[in-house]
Amino acid sequence: MVEMNTLTARELCEFHELVHFGPLDEAQVEDSLRGSLVTCKYVDDGCTLGVGRVIGDGARNFYLQDIYVHPDAQRRGVGTAIVDALLNWIRSTLPEGRTVTVALMAATGKEPFYERFGFSIRPNAHQGSGMQHFLTAEPPKE
């Protein structure tokens, strides 16, 4: 069952490490969860098997972020339930007839999973590559 807005920073940190993306700063994750439009987790028999969230401006641009499924629960519908829940939440916020952009960055090899929901791989004939930049704050200058 997918639960909305019950995801904790500790859970997100644990899943980030579980899928081999490394440790996160829990205080920073708490801030990011407060800035999320919605969060969710998939719970079965009291165990969290997957997590996800939506970030964005809430009007034109939405971004699926931190979609993680426990390795032992993959290919059991957990990821599908999470993505469906998040896309349905976005749809529920839209006035009739409005079109928005929903984007994500798939882990290598996971693109076919997201194509099933209508996401397209970039670059393609009409869109360039998705890009990212990791920015680290520098210590204050004395």
N, C-alpha and C. Protein backbone atom coordinates (compact mmCIF):
# COMPACT_ATOMS: atom_id res chain seq x y z
N MET A 1 0.84 -1.18 0.00
CA MET A 1 0.00 0.00 0.00
C MET A 1 0.89 1.25 0.00
N VAL A 2 0.51 2.23 -0.80
CA VAL A 2 1.26 3.48 -0.86
C VAL A 2 0.68 4.46 0.16
N GLU A 3 1.55 5.00 0.98
CA GLU A 3 1.18 6.02 1.96
C GLU A 3 1.74 7.36 1.49
N MET A 4 0.91 8.37 1.51
CA MET A 4 1.33 9.70 1.07
C MET A 4 1.75 10.54 2.29
N ASN A 5 2.85 11.28 2.11
CA ASN A 5 3.35 12.25 3.09
C ASN A 5 3.66 11.67 4.46
N THR A 6 4.16 10.43 4.48
CA THR A 6 4.61 9.83 5.74
C THR A 6 6.10 9.49 5.71
N LEU A 7 6.77 9.78 4.61
CA LEU A 7 8.19 9.48 4.44
C LEU A 7 9.02 10.31 5.40
N THR A 8 9.95 9.66 6.11
CA THR A 8 10.84 10.37 7.03
C THR A 8 12.22 10.54 6.40
N ALA A 9 12.97 11.49 6.94
CA ALA A 9 14.33 11.72 6.47
C ALA A 9 15.19 10.48 6.68
N ARG A 10 15.03 9.83 7.80
CA ARG A 10 15.81 8.62 8.08
C ARG A 10 15.53 7.55 7.03
N GLU A 11 14.26 7.35 6.68
CA GLU A 11 13.92 6.35 5.67
C GLU A 11 14.54 6.70 4.33
N LEU A 12 14.45 7.96 3.93
CA LEU A 12 15.02 8.35 2.65
C LEU A 12 16.53 8.14 2.65
N CYS A 13 17.19 8.50 3.73
CA CYS A 13 18.64 8.27 3.84
C CYS A 13 18.97 6.78 3.73
N GLU A 14 18.20 5.95 4.41
CA GLU A 14 18.44 4.51 4.38
C GLU A 14 18.28 3.96 2.97
N PHE A 15 17.25 4.38 2.25
CA PHE A 15 17.05 3.87 0.89
C PHE A 15 18.11 4.39 -0.06
N HIS A 16 18.55 5.62 0.12
CA HIS A 16 19.61 6.18 -0.73
C HIS A 16 20.86 5.32 -0.62
N GLU A 17 21.19 4.89 0.59
CA GLU A 17 22.36 4.04 0.78
C GLU A 17 22.09 2.61 0.30
N LEU A 18 20.87 2.13 0.53
CA LEU A 18 20.51 0.77 0.15
C LEU A 18 20.67 0.52 -1.35
N VAL A 19 20.41 1.55 -2.16
CA VAL A 19 20.55 1.40 -3.61
C VAL A 19 21.93 1.86 -4.08
N HIS A 20 22.85 1.99 -3.14
CA HIS A 20 24.27 2.25 -3.43
C HIS A 20 24.55 3.64 -3.98
N PHE A 21 23.76 4.63 -3.54
CA PHE A 21 24.03 6.01 -3.93
C PHE A 21 24.81 6.75 -2.85
N GLY A 22 25.17 6.09 -1.75
CA GLY A 22 26.00 6.68 -0.72
C GLY A 22 25.20 7.36 0.38
N PRO A 23 25.92 7.79 1.41
CA PRO A 23 25.25 8.42 2.57
C PRO A 23 24.82 9.85 2.27
N LEU A 24 23.77 10.26 2.99
CA LEU A 24 23.26 11.63 2.90
C LEU A 24 23.28 12.26 4.28
N ASP A 25 23.29 13.59 4.31
CA ASP A 25 23.19 14.34 5.55
C ASP A 25 21.70 14.39 5.94
N GLU A 26 21.34 13.80 7.08
CA GLU A 26 19.94 13.69 7.46
C GLU A 26 19.27 15.05 7.64
N ALA A 27 19.99 16.03 8.17
CA ALA A 27 19.41 17.38 8.33
C ALA A 27 19.10 17.98 6.96
N GLN A 28 19.97 17.78 5.99
CA GLN A 28 19.73 18.29 4.63
C GLN A 28 18.53 17.58 4.02
N VAL A 29 18.40 16.28 4.27
CA VAL A 29 17.26 15.53 3.74
C VAL A 29 15.96 16.02 4.39
N GLU A 30 15.99 16.32 5.68
CA GLU A 30 14.79 16.88 6.33
C GLU A 30 14.36 18.17 5.64
N ASP A 31 15.33 19.04 5.34
CA ASP A 31 15.01 20.28 4.61
C ASP A 31 14.42 19.97 3.24
N SER A 32 14.99 18.98 2.55
CA SER A 32 14.49 18.66 1.21
C SER A 32 13.07 18.11 1.27
N LEU A 33 12.77 17.32 2.29
CA LEU A 33 11.41 16.79 2.42
C LEU A 33 10.40 17.90 2.68
N ARG A 34 10.80 18.89 3.47
CA ARG A 34 9.90 20.04 3.71
C ARG A 34 9.64 20.81 2.42
N GLY A 35 10.60 20.80 1.50
CA GLY A 35 10.44 21.50 0.23
C GLY A 35 9.76 20.66 -0.85
N SER A 36 9.47 19.42 -0.54
CA SER A 36 8.81 18.55 -1.52
C SER A 36 7.34 18.92 -1.65
N LEU A 37 6.80 18.70 -2.84
CA LEU A 37 5.37 18.91 -3.04
C LEU A 37 4.58 17.77 -2.41
N VAL A 38 5.08 16.54 -2.54
CA VAL A 38 4.45 15.37 -1.93
C VAL A 38 5.52 14.29 -1.81
N THR A 39 5.37 13.43 -0.81
CA THR A 39 6.25 12.27 -0.65
C THR A 39 5.37 11.03 -0.54
N CYS A 40 5.98 9.88 -0.78
CA CYS A 40 5.24 8.64 -0.57
C CYS A 40 6.20 7.52 -0.23
N LYS A 41 5.63 6.49 0.33
CA LYS A 41 6.38 5.26 0.55
C LYS A 41 5.42 4.08 0.39
N TYR A 42 5.97 2.97 -0.07
CA TYR A 42 5.21 1.75 -0.24
C TYR A 42 5.49 0.89 0.97
N VAL A 43 4.42 0.53 1.70
CA VAL A 43 4.54 -0.25 2.93
C VAL A 43 3.77 -1.55 2.77
N ASP A 44 4.41 -2.65 3.13
CA ASP A 44 3.77 -3.96 3.10
C ASP A 44 4.08 -4.67 4.41
N ASP A 45 3.04 -5.02 5.14
CA ASP A 45 3.19 -5.73 6.41
C ASP A 45 4.14 -4.99 7.36
N GLY A 46 4.02 -3.66 7.40
CA GLY A 46 4.82 -2.84 8.30
C GLY A 46 6.22 -2.53 7.82
N CYS A 47 6.61 -3.06 6.67
CA CYS A 47 7.96 -2.81 6.13
C CYS A 47 7.88 -1.85 4.96
N THR A 48 8.75 -0.84 4.97
CA THR A 48 8.83 0.08 3.83
C THR A 48 9.67 -0.58 2.75
N LEU A 49 9.07 -0.73 1.56
CA LEU A 49 9.74 -1.40 0.45
C LEU A 49 10.18 -0.44 -0.65
N GLY A 50 9.69 0.81 -0.61
CA GLY A 50 10.07 1.77 -1.63
C GLY A 50 9.63 3.17 -1.23
N VAL A 51 10.27 4.16 -1.84
CA VAL A 51 9.98 5.56 -1.52
C VAL A 51 10.04 6.40 -2.79
N GLY A 52 9.48 7.60 -2.70
CA GLY A 52 9.55 8.55 -3.80
C GLY A 52 8.98 9.89 -3.39
N ARG A 53 9.23 10.89 -4.21
CA ARG A 53 8.69 12.21 -3.93
C ARG A 53 8.58 13.02 -5.21
N VAL A 54 7.82 14.11 -5.13
CA VAL A 54 7.67 15.06 -6.23
C VAL A 54 8.18 16.40 -5.75
N ILE A 55 9.01 17.02 -6.57
CA ILE A 55 9.46 18.38 -6.33
C ILE A 55 9.07 19.22 -7.54
N GLY A 56 9.16 20.52 -7.43
CA GLY A 56 8.84 21.38 -8.56
C GLY A 56 8.13 22.64 -8.13
N ASP A 57 7.58 23.36 -9.11
CA ASP A 57 6.92 24.63 -8.80
C ASP A 57 5.43 24.46 -8.53
N GLY A 58 4.91 23.26 -8.75
CA GLY A 58 3.52 22.99 -8.45
C GLY A 58 2.53 23.57 -9.45
N ALA A 59 3.03 24.11 -10.54
CA ALA A 59 2.14 24.72 -11.53
C ALA A 59 2.45 24.24 -12.95
N ARG A 60 3.70 24.35 -13.36
CA ARG A 60 4.09 23.97 -14.73
C ARG A 60 5.07 22.81 -14.76
N ASN A 61 5.91 22.72 -13.75
CA ASN A 61 7.01 21.77 -13.79
C ASN A 61 7.04 20.92 -12.53
N PHE A 62 7.01 19.61 -12.75
CA PHE A 62 7.07 18.64 -11.67
C PHE A 62 8.22 17.69 -11.97
N TYR A 63 8.83 17.20 -10.92
CA TYR A 63 10.01 16.36 -11.09
C TYR A 63 9.91 15.19 -10.12
N LEU A 64 9.94 13.96 -10.65
CA LEU A 64 9.97 12.79 -9.78
C LEU A 64 11.39 12.63 -9.28
N GLN A 65 11.52 12.49 -7.98
CA GLN A 65 12.84 12.47 -7.34
C GLN A 65 12.89 11.32 -6.33
N ASP A 66 14.06 10.75 -6.17
CA ASP A 66 14.31 9.74 -5.12
C ASP A 66 13.34 8.58 -5.18
N ILE A 67 13.15 8.02 -6.37
CA ILE A 67 12.33 6.82 -6.52
C ILE A 67 13.26 5.63 -6.26
N TYR A 68 13.14 5.05 -5.08
CA TYR A 68 14.00 3.94 -4.68
C TYR A 68 13.14 2.76 -4.24
N VAL A 69 13.49 1.57 -4.71
CA VAL A 69 12.81 0.35 -4.31
C VAL A 69 13.85 -0.60 -3.71
N HIS A 70 13.50 -1.18 -2.57
CA HIS A 70 14.39 -2.15 -1.93
C HIS A 70 14.76 -3.22 -2.96
N PRO A 71 16.04 -3.58 -3.04
CA PRO A 71 16.47 -4.57 -4.04
C PRO A 71 15.68 -5.88 -3.97
N ASP A 72 15.28 -6.31 -2.78
CA ASP A 72 14.53 -7.55 -2.63
C ASP A 72 13.07 -7.41 -3.08
N ALA A 73 12.61 -6.19 -3.30
CA ALA A 73 11.21 -5.96 -3.68
C ALA A 73 11.07 -5.53 -5.14
N GLN A 74 12.17 -5.47 -5.87
CA GLN A 74 12.09 -5.06 -7.27
C GLN A 74 11.40 -6.13 -8.10
N ARG A 75 10.73 -5.66 -9.16
CA ARG A 75 9.96 -6.51 -10.07
C ARG A 75 8.75 -7.15 -9.39
N ARG A 76 8.25 -6.46 -8.33
CA ARG A 76 7.05 -6.94 -7.64
C ARG A 76 5.95 -5.89 -7.65
N GLY A 77 6.10 -4.85 -8.48
CA GLY A 77 5.06 -3.84 -8.60
C GLY A 77 5.20 -2.66 -7.66
N VAL A 78 6.24 -2.66 -6.82
CA VAL A 78 6.43 -1.57 -5.85
C VAL A 78 6.74 -0.27 -6.57
N GLY A 79 7.70 -0.29 -7.48
CA GLY A 79 8.05 0.92 -8.22
C GLY A 79 6.88 1.44 -9.04
N THR A 80 6.16 0.53 -9.67
CA THR A 80 4.99 0.92 -10.45
C THR A 80 3.95 1.61 -9.57
N ALA A 81 3.70 1.05 -8.40
CA ALA A 81 2.73 1.65 -7.48
C ALA A 81 3.16 3.04 -7.03
N ILE A 82 4.46 3.21 -6.79
CA ILE A 82 4.98 4.51 -6.35
C ILE A 82 4.83 5.54 -7.47
N VAL A 83 5.29 5.21 -8.67
CA VAL A 83 5.20 6.16 -9.79
C VAL A 83 3.73 6.47 -10.10
N ASP A 84 2.88 5.45 -10.12
CA ASP A 84 1.45 5.68 -10.35
C ASP A 84 0.88 6.65 -9.31
N ALA A 85 1.21 6.43 -8.05
CA ALA A 85 0.68 7.30 -6.98
C ALA A 85 1.15 8.73 -7.16
N LEU A 86 2.41 8.92 -7.51
CA LEU A 86 2.94 10.27 -7.67
C LEU A 86 2.33 10.95 -8.90
N LEU A 87 2.22 10.23 -10.01
CA LEU A 87 1.60 10.83 -11.21
C LEU A 87 0.12 11.13 -10.96
N ASN A 88 -0.58 10.25 -10.25
CA ASN A 88 -1.98 10.51 -9.92
C ASN A 88 -2.12 11.72 -9.01
N TRP A 89 -1.18 11.89 -8.09
CA TRP A 89 -1.21 13.08 -7.23
C TRP A 89 -1.05 14.34 -8.07
N ILE A 90 -0.09 14.33 -8.99
CA ILE A 90 0.10 15.49 -9.86
C ILE A 90 -1.18 15.78 -10.64
N ARG A 91 -1.75 14.74 -11.26
CA ARG A 91 -3.00 14.91 -12.02
C ARG A 91 -4.09 15.54 -11.14
N SER A 92 -4.17 15.12 -9.89
CA SER A 92 -5.23 15.60 -9.00
C SER A 92 -5.09 17.08 -8.68
N THR A 93 -3.90 17.65 -8.90
CA THR A 93 -3.69 19.07 -8.58
C THR A 93 -3.98 19.98 -9.77
N LEU A 94 -4.21 19.40 -10.94
CA LEU A 94 -4.31 20.19 -12.16
C LEU A 94 -5.74 20.61 -12.48
N PRO A 95 -5.91 21.86 -12.87
CA PRO A 95 -7.21 22.26 -13.41
C PRO A 95 -7.48 21.50 -14.71
N GLU A 96 -8.74 21.28 -15.01
CA GLU A 96 -9.12 20.54 -16.21
C GLU A 96 -8.47 21.14 -17.45
N GLY A 97 -7.88 20.28 -18.29
CA GLY A 97 -7.29 20.71 -19.55
C GLY A 97 -5.86 21.20 -19.46
N ARG A 98 -5.32 21.38 -18.26
CA ARG A 98 -3.95 21.89 -18.13
C ARG A 98 -2.95 20.78 -18.42
N THR A 99 -1.87 21.15 -19.12
CA THR A 99 -0.77 20.25 -19.40
C THR A 99 0.46 20.76 -18.66
N VAL A 100 1.19 19.85 -18.05
CA VAL A 100 2.40 20.21 -17.33
C VAL A 100 3.54 19.30 -17.78
N THR A 101 4.75 19.66 -17.40
CA THR A 101 5.92 18.84 -17.65
C THR A 101 6.23 18.04 -16.39
N VAL A 102 6.41 16.73 -16.55
CA VAL A 102 6.88 15.88 -15.46
C VAL A 102 8.18 15.27 -15.94
N ALA A 103 9.24 15.49 -15.21
CA ALA A 103 10.56 15.02 -15.61
C ALA A 103 11.17 14.15 -14.51
N LEU A 104 12.24 13.46 -14.86
CA LEU A 104 13.02 12.67 -13.90
C LEU A 104 14.35 12.36 -14.53
N MET A 105 15.26 11.88 -13.71
CA MET A 105 16.53 11.36 -14.21
C MET A 105 16.60 9.89 -13.79
N ALA A 106 16.54 8.99 -14.76
CA ALA A 106 16.55 7.56 -14.48
C ALA A 106 17.97 7.07 -14.24
N ALA A 107 18.10 6.12 -13.32
CA ALA A 107 19.38 5.44 -13.15
C ALA A 107 19.66 4.64 -14.42
N THR A 108 20.92 4.43 -14.70
CA THR A 108 21.31 3.68 -15.89
C THR A 108 20.61 2.33 -15.94
N GLY A 109 19.99 2.05 -17.06
CA GLY A 109 19.31 0.78 -17.25
C GLY A 109 17.85 0.78 -16.83
N LYS A 110 17.40 1.83 -16.15
CA LYS A 110 16.01 1.89 -15.67
C LYS A 110 15.10 2.64 -16.62
N GLU A 111 15.64 3.14 -17.73
CA GLU A 111 14.84 3.92 -18.68
C GLU A 111 13.60 3.17 -19.19
N PRO A 112 13.71 1.88 -19.54
CA PRO A 112 12.52 1.18 -20.03
C PRO A 112 11.37 1.15 -19.02
N PHE A 113 11.71 1.08 -17.73
CA PHE A 113 10.67 1.12 -16.69
C PHE A 113 9.87 2.41 -16.80
N TYR A 114 10.54 3.54 -16.94
CA TYR A 114 9.85 4.84 -16.98
C TYR A 114 9.17 5.09 -18.32
N GLU A 115 9.68 4.49 -19.39
CA GLU A 115 9.01 4.63 -20.70
C GLU A 115 7.59 4.06 -20.65
N ARG A 116 7.36 3.06 -19.83
CA ARG A 116 6.02 2.48 -19.70
C ARG A 116 4.99 3.50 -19.20
N PHE A 117 5.45 4.55 -18.53
CA PHE A 117 4.57 5.60 -18.01
C PHE A 117 4.45 6.78 -18.98
N GLY A 118 5.15 6.71 -20.11
CA GLY A 118 5.09 7.78 -21.10
C GLY A 118 6.28 8.71 -21.09
N PHE A 119 7.28 8.45 -20.26
CA PHE A 119 8.49 9.29 -20.26
C PHE A 119 9.31 8.95 -21.50
N SER A 120 9.98 9.96 -22.07
CA SER A 120 10.81 9.75 -23.25
C SER A 120 12.27 9.94 -22.89
N ILE A 121 13.11 9.20 -23.58
CA ILE A 121 14.55 9.29 -23.37
C ILE A 121 15.08 10.51 -24.09
N ARG A 122 15.98 11.22 -23.44
CA ARG A 122 16.67 12.34 -24.04
C ARG A 122 18.15 12.01 -24.13
N PRO A 123 18.84 12.46 -25.15
CA PRO A 123 18.35 13.31 -26.23
C PRO A 123 17.51 12.50 -27.22
N ASN A 124 16.69 13.25 -27.94
CA ASN A 124 15.91 12.68 -29.03
C ASN A 124 15.80 13.74 -30.12
N ALA A 125 14.99 13.51 -31.11
CA ALA A 125 14.92 14.43 -32.26
C ALA A 125 14.47 15.84 -31.87
N HIS A 126 13.75 15.97 -30.75
CA HIS A 126 13.20 17.28 -30.39
C HIS A 126 13.78 17.87 -29.11
N GLN A 127 14.50 17.07 -28.34
CA GLN A 127 14.99 17.54 -27.03
C GLN A 127 16.45 17.15 -26.86
N GLY A 128 17.21 18.05 -26.29
CA GLY A 128 18.61 17.79 -26.00
C GLY A 128 18.78 16.93 -24.76
N SER A 129 20.01 16.74 -24.35
CA SER A 129 20.31 15.91 -23.19
C SER A 129 19.85 16.58 -21.91
N GLY A 130 19.39 15.78 -20.96
CA GLY A 130 19.20 16.28 -19.61
C GLY A 130 20.57 16.53 -19.01
N MET A 131 20.67 17.49 -18.12
CA MET A 131 21.98 17.83 -17.56
C MET A 131 21.85 18.06 -16.07
N GLN A 132 22.98 17.95 -15.37
CA GLN A 132 23.02 18.26 -13.95
C GLN A 132 24.39 18.79 -13.59
N HIS A 133 24.44 19.44 -12.45
CA HIS A 133 25.69 20.01 -11.95
C HIS A 133 25.67 19.87 -10.43
N PHE A 134 26.69 19.29 -9.85
CA PHE A 134 26.79 19.17 -8.40
C PHE A 134 27.56 20.37 -7.88
N LEU A 135 26.91 21.16 -7.07
CA LEU A 135 27.49 22.40 -6.55
C LEU A 135 27.75 22.25 -5.06
N THR A 136 28.97 22.53 -4.63
CA THR A 136 29.34 22.44 -3.22
C THR A 136 29.68 23.83 -2.70
N ALA A 137 29.10 24.17 -1.56
CA ALA A 137 29.38 25.47 -0.95
C ALA A 137 30.84 25.52 -0.51
N GLU A 138 31.47 26.65 -0.77
CA GLU A 138 32.85 26.83 -0.35
C GLU A 138 32.86 27.45 1.04
N PRO A 139 33.92 27.16 1.81
CA PRO A 139 34.00 27.79 3.14
C PRO A 139 34.12 29.30 3.00
N PRO A 140 33.59 30.04 3.98
CA PRO A 140 33.69 31.50 3.90
C PRO A 140 35.14 31.96 3.85
N LYS A 141 35.37 33.02 3.07
CA LYS A 141 36.72 33.57 2.98
C LYS A 141 36.97 34.48 4.18
N GLU A 142 38.15 34.38 4.71
CA GLU A 142 38.50 35.18 5.89
C GLU A 142 38.95 36.55 5.52
